[in-house]
C-alpha atoms as a PDB file:
ATOM      1  CA  MET A   1       1.697  46.825  70.250  1.00  0.00           C
ATOM      2  CA  SER A   2       1.222  47.022  74.006  1.00  0.00           C
ATOM      3  CA  ILE A   3       3.652  45.768  76.633  1.00  0.00           C
ATOM      4  CA  VAL A   4       0.585  44.042  78.105  1.00  0.00           C
ATOM      5  CA  THR A   5       0.265  40.767  76.191  1.00  0.00           C
ATOM      6  CA  ARG A   6      -1.679  38.780  78.803  1.00  0.00           C
ATOM      7  CA  THR A   7       0.251  35.663  77.701  1.00  0.00           C
ATOM      8  CA  GLY A   8       1.811  35.349  81.170  1.00  0.00           C
ATOM      9  CA  ASP A   9      -1.432  35.650  83.112  1.00  0.00           C
ATOM     10  CA  GLN A  10      -1.525  31.904  83.762  1.00  0.00           C
ATOM     11  CA  GLY A  11       2.005  31.687  85.162  1.00  0.00           C
ATOM     12  CA  THR A  12       3.990  30.960  82.003  1.00  0.00           C
ATOM     13  CA  THR A  13       6.498  33.020  80.087  1.00  0.00           C
ATOM     14  CA  GLY A  14       8.100  32.861  76.682  1.00  0.00           C
ATOM     15  CA  LEU A  15      11.633  31.839  75.909  1.00  0.00           C
ATOM     16  CA  MET A  16      13.310  32.635  72.623  1.00  0.00           C
ATOM     17  CA  TYR A  17      11.523  31.071  69.644  1.00  0.00           C
ATOM     18  CA  ASN A  18       8.146  31.091  71.391  1.00  0.00           C
ATOM     19  CA  ARG A  19       8.688  28.175  73.745  1.00  0.00           C
ATOM     20  CA  ARG A  20       6.501  28.553  76.852  1.00  0.00           C
ATOM     21  CA  VAL A  21       7.663  27.504  80.314  1.00  0.00           C
ATOM     22  CA  ALA A  22       6.488  28.106  83.864  1.00  0.00           C
ATOM     23  CA  LYS A  23       7.687  31.356  85.381  1.00  0.00           C
ATOM     24  CA  SER A  24       9.238  29.229  88.128  1.00  0.00           C
ATOM     25  CA  HIS A  25      11.275  27.172  85.628  1.00  0.00           C
ATOM     26  CA  PRO A  26      15.000  27.046  86.512  1.00  0.00           C
ATOM     27  CA  ARG A  27      15.830  28.711  83.185  1.00  0.00           C
ATOM     28  CA  VAL A  28      13.579  31.669  84.022  1.00  0.00           C
ATOM     29  CA  GLU A  29      15.044  31.829  87.539  1.00  0.00           C
ATOM     30  CA  ALA A  30      18.543  31.935  86.005  1.00  0.00           C
ATOM     31  CA  TYR A  31      17.987  34.677  83.454  1.00  0.00           C
ATOM     32  CA  GLY A  32      15.701  36.552  85.851  1.00  0.00           C
ATOM     33  CA  SER A  33      18.510  36.714  88.409  1.00  0.00           C
ATOM     34  CA  VAL A  34      20.853  38.021  85.736  1.00  0.00           C
ATOM     35  CA  ASP A  35      18.229  40.635  84.854  1.00  0.00           C
ATOM     36  CA  GLU A  36      18.191  41.711  88.523  1.00  0.00           C
ATOM     37  CA  LEU A  37      21.983  41.910  88.404  1.00  0.00           C
ATOM     38  CA  ASN A  38      21.803  44.095  85.308  1.00  0.00           C
ATOM     39  CA  ALA A  39      19.384  46.439  87.100  1.00  0.00           C
ATOM     40  CA  ALA A  40      21.647  46.574  90.166  1.00  0.00           C
ATOM     41  CA  LEU A  41      24.591  47.470  87.944  1.00  0.00           C
ATOM     42  CA  GLY A  42      22.474  50.174  86.343  1.00  0.00           C
ATOM     43  CA  LEU A  43      21.850  51.656  89.777  1.00  0.00           C
ATOM     44  CA  ALA A  44      25.574  51.602  90.531  1.00  0.00           C
ATOM     45  CA  ARG A  45      26.382  53.109  87.128  1.00  0.00           C
ATOM     46  CA  ALA A  46      23.865  55.930  87.691  1.00  0.00           C
ATOM     47  CA  GLN A  47      25.700  56.863  90.926  1.00  0.00           C
ATOM     48  CA  ALA A  48      29.231  56.623  89.572  1.00  0.00           C
ATOM     49  CA  GLY A  49      30.824  60.031  89.247  1.00  0.00           C
ATOM     50  CA  ASP A  50      34.285  58.956  88.125  1.00  0.00           C
ATOM     51  CA  PRO A  51      34.121  58.584  84.305  1.00  0.00           C
ATOM     52  CA  TRP A  52      36.241  55.416  84.403  1.00  0.00           C
ATOM     53  CA  LEU A  53      33.600  53.334  86.203  1.00  0.00           C
ATOM     54  CA  PRO A  54      30.327  53.979  84.312  1.00  0.00           C
ATOM     55  CA  VAL A  55      31.915  53.103  80.967  1.00  0.00           C
ATOM     56  CA  ARG A  56      33.092  49.768  82.314  1.00  0.00           C
ATOM     57  CA  LEU A  57      29.819  48.994  84.078  1.00  0.00           C
ATOM     58  CA  LEU A  58      27.893  49.705  80.872  1.00  0.00           C
ATOM     59  CA  ALA A  59      30.133  47.291  78.957  1.00  0.00           C
ATOM     60  CA  ILE A  60      29.443  44.628  81.587  1.00  0.00           C
ATOM     61  CA  GLN A  61      25.708  45.309  81.344  1.00  0.00           C
ATOM     62  CA  GLN A  62      25.908  44.827  77.583  1.00  0.00           C
ATOM     63  CA  ASP A  63      27.655  41.491  78.141  1.00  0.00           C
ATOM     64  CA  LEU A  64      24.875  40.523  80.556  1.00  0.00           C
ATOM     65  CA  VAL A  65      22.344  41.053  77.759  1.00  0.00           C
ATOM     66  CA  ILE A  66      24.281  38.466  75.738  1.00  0.00           C
ATOM     67  CA  LEU A  67      24.250  36.149  78.748  1.00  0.00           C
ATOM     68  CA  MET A  68      20.493  36.601  79.332  1.00  0.00           C
ATOM     69  CA  GLY A  69      19.720  35.904  75.685  1.00  0.00           C
ATOM     70  CA  GLU A  70      21.673  32.681  75.831  1.00  0.00           C
ATOM     71  CA  LEU A  71      19.953  31.627  79.047  1.00  0.00           C
ATOM     72  CA  ALA A  72      16.536  32.486  77.558  1.00  0.00           C
ATOM     73  CA  THR A  73      17.134  29.982  74.768  1.00  0.00           C
ATOM     74  CA  ALA A  74      16.187  26.333  75.276  1.00  0.00           C
ATOM     75  CA  PRO A  75      19.022  23.892  74.482  1.00  0.00           C
ATOM     76  CA  GLY A  76      17.109  22.606  71.462  1.00  0.00           C
ATOM     77  CA  ASP A  77      17.023  26.095  69.973  1.00  0.00           C
ATOM     78  CA  LEU A  78      20.646  27.065  70.583  1.00  0.00           C
ATOM     79  CA  GLU A  79      21.818  26.115  67.090  1.00  0.00           C
ATOM     80  CA  ARG A  80      19.097  28.299  65.581  1.00  0.00           C
ATOM     81  CA  TYR A  81      19.998  31.092  68.014  1.00  0.00           C
ATOM     82  CA  LEU A  82      23.611  31.059  66.821  1.00  0.00           C
ATOM     83  CA  LYS A  83      22.562  30.791  63.170  1.00  0.00           C
ATOM     84  CA  ASP A  84      20.375  33.872  63.659  1.00  0.00           C
ATOM     85  CA  GLY A  85      23.509  35.801  64.635  1.00  0.00           C
ATOM     86  CA  PHE A  86      23.068  35.988  68.391  1.00  0.00           C
ATOM     87  CA  ARG A  87      26.191  35.836  70.539  1.00  0.00           C
ATOM     88  CA  VAL A  88      26.914  33.580  73.511  1.00  0.00           C
ATOM     89  CA  VAL A  89      29.224  33.919  76.493  1.00  0.00           C
ATOM     90  CA  THR A  90      32.795  33.111  75.508  1.00  0.00           C
ATOM     91  CA  PRO A  91      36.153  33.006  77.298  1.00  0.00           C
ATOM     92  CA  GLU A  92      36.874  36.395  75.702  1.00  0.00           C
ATOM     93  CA  LEU A  93      34.090  37.994  77.744  1.00  0.00           C
ATOM     94  CA  THR A  94      35.556  36.498  80.917  1.00  0.00           C
ATOM     95  CA  ALA A  95      39.056  37.621  79.887  1.00  0.00           C
ATOM     96  CA  ARG A  96      37.801  41.223  79.760  1.00  0.00           C
ATOM     97  CA  LEU A  97      36.692  40.854  83.382  1.00  0.00           C
ATOM     98  CA  ASP A  98      40.098  39.406  84.267  1.00  0.00           C
ATOM     99  CA  GLY A  99      41.678  42.470  82.666  1.00  0.00           C
ATOM    100  CA  LEU A 100      39.531  44.775  84.786  1.00  0.00           C
ATOM    101  CA  VAL A 101      40.427  42.853  87.935  1.00  0.00           C
ATOM    102  CA  MET A 102      44.123  43.291  87.157  1.00  0.00           C
ATOM    103  CA  GLU A 103      43.606  46.977  86.370  1.00  0.00           C
ATOM    104  CA  VAL A 104      41.874  47.618  89.704  1.00  0.00           C
ATOM    105  CA  GLU A 105      44.261  45.442  91.703  1.00  0.00           C
ATOM    106  CA  ALA A 106      47.202  47.425  90.304  1.00  0.00           C
ATOM    107  CA  GLN A 107      45.901  50.430  92.242  1.00  0.00           C
ATOM    108  CA  LYS A 108      46.383  50.746  95.963  1.00  0.00           C
ATOM    109  CA  ILE A 109      43.162  49.538  97.514  1.00  0.00           C
ATOM    110  CA  SER A 110      42.714  49.496 101.261  1.00  0.00           C
ATOM    111  CA  TYR A 111      40.775  46.756 102.936  1.00  0.00           C
ATOM    112  CA  GLN A 112      41.349  44.699 106.011  1.00  0.00           C
ATOM    113  CA  GLY A 113      39.365  41.652 106.908  1.00  0.00           C
ATOM    114  CA  TRP A 114      36.014  41.287 105.226  1.00  0.00           C
ATOM    115  CA  ALA A 115      34.493  44.645 104.326  1.00  0.00           C
ATOM    116  CA  THR A 116      31.056  45.567 105.593  1.00  0.00           C
ATOM    117  CA  PRO A 117      28.917  46.987 102.764  1.00  0.00           C
ATOM    118  CA  GLY A 118      27.736  50.566 103.051  1.00  0.00           C
ATOM    119  CA  GLY A 119      30.834  52.733 103.124  1.00  0.00           C
ATOM    120  CA  THR A 120      29.325  54.892 100.370  1.00  0.00           C
ATOM    121  CA  LEU A 121      26.128  54.722  98.341  1.00  0.00           C
ATOM    122  CA  LEU A 122      28.083  53.652  95.272  1.00  0.00           C
ATOM    123  CA  SER A 123      30.072  50.949  97.067  1.00  0.00           C
ATOM    124  CA  ALA A 124      26.846  49.683  98.651  1.00  0.00           C
ATOM    125  CA  ALA A 125      25.219  49.528  95.200  1.00  0.00           C
ATOM    126  CA  LEU A 126      28.208  47.552  93.918  1.00  0.00           C
ATOM    127  CA  ASP A 127      27.919  45.169  96.874  1.00  0.00           C
ATOM    128  CA  VAL A 128      24.198  44.682  96.136  1.00  0.00           C
ATOM    129  CA  ALA A 129      25.179  43.910  92.546  1.00  0.00           C
ATOM    130  CA  ARG A 130      27.817  41.464  93.834  1.00  0.00           C
ATOM    131  CA  THR A 131      25.355  39.549  95.991  1.00  0.00           C
ATOM    132  CA  THR A 132      22.828  39.535  93.156  1.00  0.00           C
ATOM    133  CA  CYS A 133      25.567  38.156  90.914  1.00  0.00           C
ATOM    134  CA  ARG A 134      26.216  35.357  93.394  1.00  0.00           C
ATOM    135  CA  ARG A 135      22.496  34.500  93.367  1.00  0.00           C
ATOM    136  CA  ALA A 136      22.531  34.452  89.563  1.00  0.00           C
ATOM    137  CA  GLU A 137      25.526  32.127  89.710  1.00  0.00           C
ATOM    138  CA  ARG A 138      23.597  29.770  92.011  1.00  0.00           C
ATOM    139  CA  ARG A 139      20.550  29.868  89.722  1.00  0.00           C
ATOM    140  CA  VAL A 140      22.656  29.022  86.661  1.00  0.00           C
ATOM    141  CA  HIS A 141      24.201  26.145  88.595  1.00  0.00           C
ATOM    142  CA  ALA A 142      20.694  24.953  89.538  1.00  0.00           C
ATOM    143  CA  LEU A 143      19.759  25.095  85.858  1.00  0.00           C
ATOM    144  CA  GLY A 144      22.561  22.639  85.209  1.00  0.00           C
ATOM    145  CA  ASP A 145      21.385  20.467  88.099  1.00  0.00           C
ATOM    146  CA  ALA A 146      17.957  20.390  86.420  1.00  0.00           C
ATOM    147  CA  GLY A 147      19.542  18.824  83.343  1.00  0.00           C
ATOM    148  CA  GLU A 148      19.443  21.977  81.219  1.00  0.00           C
ATOM    149  CA  ASN A 149      23.252  22.043  80.754  1.00  0.00           C
ATOM    150  CA  PRO A 150      24.035  25.739  80.361  1.00  0.00           C
ATOM    151  CA  ASN A 151      27.242  26.926  78.756  1.00  0.00           C
ATOM    152  CA  PRO A 152      29.939  26.337  81.432  1.00  0.00           C
ATOM    153  CA  GLU A 153      31.542  29.689  80.561  1.00  0.00           C
ATOM    154  CA  ILE A 154      28.495  31.432  82.053  1.00  0.00           C
ATOM    155  CA  LEU A 155      29.385  30.191  85.547  1.00  0.00           C
ATOM    156  CA  ILE A 156      32.997  31.254  85.090  1.00  0.00           C
ATOM    157  CA  PHE A 157      31.905  34.694  83.866  1.00  0.00           C
ATOM    158  CA  LEU A 158      29.513  35.215  86.798  1.00  0.00           C
ATOM    159  CA  ASN A 159      32.081  34.011  89.318  1.00  0.00           C
ATOM    160  CA  ARG A 160      34.668  36.415  87.940  1.00  0.00           C
ATOM    161  CA  LEU A 161      32.141  39.237  87.821  1.00  0.00           C
ATOM    162  CA  SER A 162      31.226  38.833  91.485  1.00  0.00           C
ATOM    163  CA  ASP A 163      34.921  39.023  92.398  1.00  0.00           C
ATOM    164  CA  LEU A 164      35.295  42.157  90.291  1.00  0.00           C
ATOM    165  CA  LEU A 165      32.253  43.787  91.895  1.00  0.00           C
ATOM    166  CA  TRP A 166      33.637  43.149  95.384  1.00  0.00           C
ATOM    167  CA  LEU A 167      36.925  44.680  94.308  1.00  0.00           C
ATOM    168  CA  LEU A 168      35.211  47.695  92.706  1.00  0.00           C
ATOM    169  CA  ALA A 169      33.260  48.365  95.904  1.00  0.00           C
ATOM    170  CA  ARG A 170      36.517  48.414  97.859  1.00  0.00           C
ATOM    171  CA  TRP A 171      38.094  50.637  95.169  1.00  0.00           C
ATOM    172  CA  VAL A 172      35.241  53.138  95.562  1.00  0.00           C
ATOM    173  CA  GLU A 173      35.621  53.116  99.346  1.00  0.00           C
ATOM    174  CA  THR A 174      39.381  53.599  99.085  1.00  0.00           C
ATOM    175  CA  LYS A 175      38.922  56.574  96.764  1.00  0.00           C
ATOM    176  CA  ALA A 176      36.386  58.026  99.212  1.00  0.00           C
ATOM    177  CA  GLY A 177      38.674  57.429 102.213  1.00  0.00           C
ATOM    178  CA  VAL A 178      36.114  55.129 103.847  1.00  0.00           C
ATOM    179  CA  TYR A 179      37.244  51.760 105.140  1.00  0.00           C
ATOM    180  CA  PRO A 180      34.374  49.876 106.791  1.00  0.00           C
ATOM    181  CA  SER A 181      35.471  46.541 108.088  1.00  0.00           C
ATOM    182  CA  THR A 182      34.079  43.911 110.405  1.00  0.00           C
ATOM    183  CA  ASP A 183      37.379  44.166 112.281  1.00  0.00           C
ATOM    184  CA  SER A 184      36.375  47.471 113.880  1.00  0.00           C
ATOM    185  CA  ALA A 185      34.475  47.324 117.118  1.00  0.00           C
ATOM    186  CA  VAL A 186      31.723  49.690 118.198  1.00  0.00           C
ATOM    187  CA  ALA A 187      32.342  51.089 121.651  1.00  0.00           C
END
């Protein structure tokens, strides 16, 4: 079977259980933004030298696959999705992010004011992931505004994840001894 199916040539795409929607549908925008986030995290993970970080980023990426699957399922198919053994975003997934936030915050991280992305390649990649996460959060919210009523835990998870990614970028900069901040002036 080829990756080329030609089923999307007319501007539609398939959700779970063969439902077709426009590629511009809010549901597709939501899970597509999460897919971009997953790719951005993959880029950050590929640059991470410290063994602590790539393991945690991979776990988050695996949770994002759960999130994307849930978003790619129309509300009318969610019961079937669960019956088929697929997982959905739960408070436990968010609690793992909370645990990571506490773990990173327990370390001495230097930042003053609002950090300017780009202190290191890895911190910049984490900041790109953070801003992509914020876009995904907005797209999931828009899905709700469109009457699609996504799982409210998805917004909580994405909000927490964006906070964690900001914190991880600062952690990377602190470890590298780089502290870019908007508070510093260029002479």
